[in-house]
Amino acid sequence: MTPADEPLVSTRRSLHALAVHVISPLRVQATGNEIALQVRPEGFGTPDLPDGSWIATRGPQLVRVDPSGDEHSIAITSLRAAAHFVGLAEPAASALSDETLEIHAGATLRLADVWATGEEALRAFDANAPIHLWPEHFDIAIEAGNATYGISPGDDDHTEPYAYVSPWTPPAKTGPSTFWNATSFTGAERPVTDADDDGEIPAFFRAARDLLTAR
């Protein structure tokens, strides 16, 4: 990992912790069982909750919109502060870490762009499939046919964002010289960069679907 990657990786890890320990649990608290999140402008957050409220990140800020539509925001600092701000119930809120999260404003916006690009690409590929941002892996994805198609902001094996296809049945031939070139899972992957045009990621998804359909 190069020094230029460090703000992106540390910010991703901090936002991932926020998703897992604060924002998704807040949705579970409001709905009883729903954990999935969604893309929001300049970030991610809950869908509208049953009372009409919602929670989201917006760049380096955490935003709470009340049922009345009133909006409140604070800088993202620690998991505990975030939990108290959004109204996560006790004792869960006070049990969270009060250590300062590493949040870099530019990195939050780059990650937001990745999710927004991914959402657009997934809709272009399959306009009818529900798109979810899953807190566990911090990716946005759909299920179509017999595979999962998604965009990851990065993970322990990838410092940079990437698009992926994960078939439910492993392809016959995999490896770096094949289409199914993923290194840390069975499937295909490609980087997501600022140089991608609007059609490149949907084309990658379609190529995978065609190969899966043909076998």
Protein backbone atom coordinates (compact mmCIF):
# COMPACT_ATOMS: atom_id res chain seq x y z
CA MET A 1 0.00 0.00 0.00
CA THR A 2 1.35 3.40 -0.95
CA PRO A 3 1.05 6.48 1.27
CA ALA A 4 -1.55 7.89 -1.14
CA ASP A 5 -3.80 4.93 -0.31
CA GLU A 6 -3.73 5.45 3.43
CA PRO A 7 -6.49 8.11 3.78
CA LEU A 8 -8.81 6.07 1.58
CA VAL A 9 -8.20 2.84 3.48
CA SER A 10 -8.40 4.36 6.97
CA THR A 11 -11.54 6.30 6.07
CA ARG A 12 -13.14 3.21 4.54
CA ARG A 13 -12.42 1.20 7.66
CA SER A 14 -13.86 3.92 9.89
CA LEU A 15 -17.02 4.27 7.81
CA HIS A 16 -17.34 0.49 7.68
CA ALA A 17 -17.26 0.39 11.48
CA LEU A 18 -19.90 3.12 11.56
CA ALA A 19 -22.11 1.08 9.22
CA VAL A 20 -21.72 -2.15 11.20
CA HIS A 21 -21.96 -0.78 14.74
CA VAL A 22 -24.21 2.28 14.46
CA ILE A 23 -26.17 2.84 11.25
CA SER A 24 -27.27 -0.72 10.52
CA PRO A 25 -28.13 -1.41 14.20
CA LEU A 26 -30.21 1.77 14.19
CA ARG A 27 -32.20 0.36 11.27
CA VAL A 28 -32.62 -2.96 13.10
CA GLN A 29 -33.82 -1.02 16.16
CA ALA A 30 -36.41 0.79 14.03
CA THR A 31 -37.59 -2.18 11.96
CA GLY A 32 -36.94 -5.24 14.11
CA ASN A 33 -34.82 -7.14 11.59
CA GLU A 34 -33.71 -5.13 8.54
CA ILE A 35 -29.94 -4.60 8.30
CA ALA A 36 -29.43 -3.44 4.70
CA LEU A 37 -28.43 0.15 3.93
CA GLN A 38 -28.48 2.22 0.74
CA VAL A 39 -26.57 4.84 -1.19
CA ARG A 40 -27.33 8.42 -0.14
CA PRO A 41 -26.02 11.66 -1.70
CA GLU A 42 -22.31 12.00 -0.78
CA GLY A 43 -22.47 8.87 1.37
CA PHE A 44 -24.68 6.04 2.58
CA GLY A 45 -27.31 5.44 5.20
CA THR A 46 -30.60 3.84 6.09
CA PRO A 47 -33.60 3.76 3.80
CA ASP A 48 -36.51 5.77 5.13
CA LEU A 49 -37.44 4.26 8.48
CA PRO A 50 -41.03 3.39 9.45
CA ASP A 51 -41.59 6.81 11.06
CA GLY A 52 -40.20 8.66 8.02
CA SER A 53 -36.83 9.47 9.60
CA TRP A 54 -33.46 8.38 8.23
CA ILE A 55 -29.75 8.45 9.07
CA ALA A 56 -26.85 8.89 6.64
CA THR A 57 -23.31 10.03 6.18
CA ARG A 58 -22.72 13.07 4.00
CA GLY A 59 -19.02 13.44 3.38
CA PRO A 60 -17.40 13.65 6.85
CA GLN A 61 -20.74 14.48 8.50
CA LEU A 62 -23.39 12.27 10.07
CA VAL A 63 -26.92 13.43 9.27
CA ARG A 64 -30.16 12.70 11.11
CA VAL A 65 -33.47 13.61 9.49
CA ASP A 66 -36.39 13.54 11.92
CA PRO A 67 -39.93 12.37 11.04
CA SER A 68 -40.87 16.05 10.70
CA GLY A 69 -38.19 16.50 8.03
CA ASP A 70 -35.93 18.59 10.28
CA GLU A 71 -32.25 17.88 9.59
CA HIS A 72 -29.42 17.77 12.12
CA SER A 73 -25.76 16.97 11.51
CA ILE A 74 -22.50 16.51 13.39
CA ALA A 75 -18.93 15.75 12.37
CA ILE A 76 -18.14 12.03 12.48
CA THR A 77 -15.88 11.58 15.50
CA SER A 78 -16.35 8.32 17.41
CA LEU A 79 -18.73 5.37 17.27
CA ARG A 80 -20.10 6.25 20.71
CA ALA A 81 -20.81 9.87 19.76
CA ALA A 82 -22.48 8.73 16.55
CA ALA A 83 -24.64 6.21 18.40
CA HIS A 84 -25.87 8.82 20.88
CA PHE A 85 -26.55 11.28 18.06
CA VAL A 86 -28.72 8.88 16.05
CA GLY A 87 -30.55 7.51 19.09
CA LEU A 88 -29.17 3.98 19.33
CA ALA A 89 -30.57 2.40 22.45
CA GLU A 90 -28.64 1.75 25.64
CA PRO A 91 -26.60 -0.12 26.70
CA ALA A 92 -25.41 -0.64 23.12
CA ALA A 93 -24.62 3.04 22.49
CA SER A 94 -22.44 3.62 25.55
CA ALA A 95 -20.65 0.27 25.03
CA LEU A 96 -19.15 1.47 21.73
CA SER A 97 -15.64 2.86 21.41
CA ASP A 98 -14.99 6.53 22.11
CA GLU A 99 -11.75 6.50 20.10
CA THR A 100 -11.61 9.05 17.30
CA LEU A 101 -12.32 7.56 13.89
CA GLU A 102 -9.98 8.36 11.03
CA ILE A 103 -12.10 10.36 8.61
CA HIS A 104 -10.61 12.25 5.66
CA ALA A 105 -13.10 14.50 3.88
CA GLY A 106 -11.69 13.89 0.39
CA ALA A 107 -11.71 10.13 0.92
CA THR A 108 -15.35 10.15 2.07
CA LEU A 109 -16.35 11.85 -1.17
CA ARG A 110 -14.31 9.46 -3.29
CA LEU A 111 -15.98 6.50 -1.60
CA ALA A 112 -19.37 8.16 -2.09
CA ASP A 113 -18.58 8.51 -5.79
CA VAL A 114 -17.75 4.80 -5.96
CA TRP A 115 -21.10 3.83 -4.44
CA ALA A 116 -22.97 6.27 -6.69
CA THR A 117 -21.14 4.98 -9.78
CA GLY A 118 -21.85 1.42 -8.69
CA GLU A 119 -25.53 2.09 -8.13
CA GLU A 120 -25.82 3.63 -11.60
CA ALA A 121 -23.97 0.69 -13.16
CA LEU A 122 -26.13 -1.89 -11.39
CA ARG A 123 -29.31 -0.11 -12.49
CA ALA A 124 -28.03 0.01 -16.07
CA PHE A 125 -27.34 -3.71 -15.88
CA ASP A 126 -30.64 -4.72 -14.23
CA ALA A 127 -33.20 -2.00 -13.64
CA ASN A 128 -35.51 -4.27 -11.63
CA ALA A 129 -33.22 -5.89 -9.07
CA PRO A 130 -33.19 -4.35 -5.57
CA ILE A 131 -29.84 -2.74 -4.74
CA HIS A 132 -28.59 -3.01 -1.17
CA LEU A 133 -25.51 -1.72 0.60
CA TRP A 134 -24.58 -4.57 2.92
CA PRO A 135 -22.88 -3.46 6.15
CA GLU A 136 -20.88 -6.67 6.63
CA HIS A 137 -18.85 -6.34 3.42
CA PHE A 138 -19.63 -2.64 2.84
CA ASP A 139 -20.43 -3.28 -0.82
CA ILE A 140 -23.50 -2.53 -2.91
CA ALA A 141 -24.88 -5.50 -4.76
CA ILE A 142 -27.76 -7.20 -6.50
CA GLU A 143 -28.65 -10.83 -7.13
CA ALA A 144 -29.43 -11.71 -10.73
CA GLY A 145 -29.69 -15.18 -12.20
CA ASN A 146 -27.27 -17.36 -10.27
CA ALA A 147 -24.73 -14.73 -9.26
CA THR A 148 -24.13 -11.66 -7.15
CA TYR A 149 -23.04 -8.49 -8.97
CA GLY A 150 -21.57 -5.66 -6.98
CA ILE A 151 -19.19 -2.82 -6.29
CA SER A 152 -16.84 -2.87 -3.32
CA PRO A 153 -15.09 0.23 -1.93
CA GLY A 154 -12.16 -2.05 -1.06
CA ASP A 155 -11.44 -4.61 1.63
CA ASP A 156 -8.58 -6.37 3.38
CA ASP A 157 -7.42 -7.82 0.05
CA HIS A 158 -8.01 -4.71 -2.10
CA THR A 159 -6.83 -1.21 -1.23
CA GLU A 160 -8.81 0.25 -4.14
CA PRO A 161 -12.48 -0.02 -5.15
CA TYR A 162 -13.49 -2.78 -7.55
CA ALA A 163 -16.47 -4.28 -9.36
CA TYR A 164 -17.09 -7.99 -8.99
CA VAL A 165 -19.26 -10.91 -10.02
CA SER A 166 -19.56 -13.90 -7.68
CA PRO A 167 -21.32 -16.92 -9.26
CA TRP A 168 -23.17 -19.20 -6.90
CA THR A 169 -21.76 -22.22 -8.75
CA PRO A 170 -17.98 -21.99 -9.36
CA PRO A 171 -16.98 -21.70 -13.03
CA ALA A 172 -15.04 -24.60 -14.54
CA LYS A 173 -11.96 -22.50 -15.25
CA THR A 174 -10.67 -19.82 -12.91
CA GLY A 175 -7.38 -18.00 -12.49
CA PRO A 176 -5.54 -14.81 -13.45
CA SER A 177 -5.53 -15.67 -17.18
CA THR A 178 -9.29 -16.29 -17.32
CA PHE A 179 -12.33 -14.03 -17.04
CA TRP A 180 -12.87 -15.46 -13.54
CA ASN A 181 -9.74 -13.79 -12.21
CA ALA A 182 -10.65 -12.88 -8.62
CA THR A 183 -7.88 -13.61 -6.14
CA SER A 184 -9.67 -13.69 -2.77
CA PHE A 185 -12.99 -15.25 -3.82
CA THR A 186 -14.34 -17.34 -6.70
CA GLY A 187 -15.49 -14.94 -9.38
CA ALA A 188 -14.42 -12.03 -11.55
CA GLU A 189 -13.18 -8.58 -10.57
CA ARG A 190 -12.02 -5.36 -12.19
CA PRO A 191 -10.84 -2.04 -10.71
CA VAL A 192 -13.21 0.92 -10.51
CA THR A 193 -11.39 4.09 -11.53
CA ASP A 194 -12.19 7.67 -12.44
CA ALA A 195 -11.29 6.80 -16.04
CA ASP A 196 -14.22 4.38 -16.44
CA ASP A 197 -16.91 5.63 -18.78
CA ASP A 198 -20.61 5.10 -18.06
CA GLY A 199 -20.82 1.81 -19.97
CA GLU A 200 -17.72 -0.06 -18.86
CA ILE A 201 -18.90 -1.54 -15.58
CA PRO A 202 -22.35 -2.59 -16.93
CA ALA A 203 -20.48 -4.18 -19.86
CA PHE A 204 -18.36 -6.14 -17.39
CA PHE A 205 -21.52 -7.36 -15.65
CA ARG A 206 -23.13 -8.32 -18.97
CA ALA A 207 -20.03 -10.23 -20.07
CA ALA A 208 -20.16 -12.25 -16.86
CA ARG A 209 -23.88 -12.94 -17.28
CA ASP A 210 -23.34 -14.10 -20.86
CA LEU A 211 -20.62 -16.50 -19.79
CA LEU A 212 -22.77 -17.87 -16.97
CA THR A 213 -25.78 -18.25 -19.26
CA ALA A 214 -23.76 -20.05 -21.94
CA ARG A 215 -22.24 -22.73 -19.73
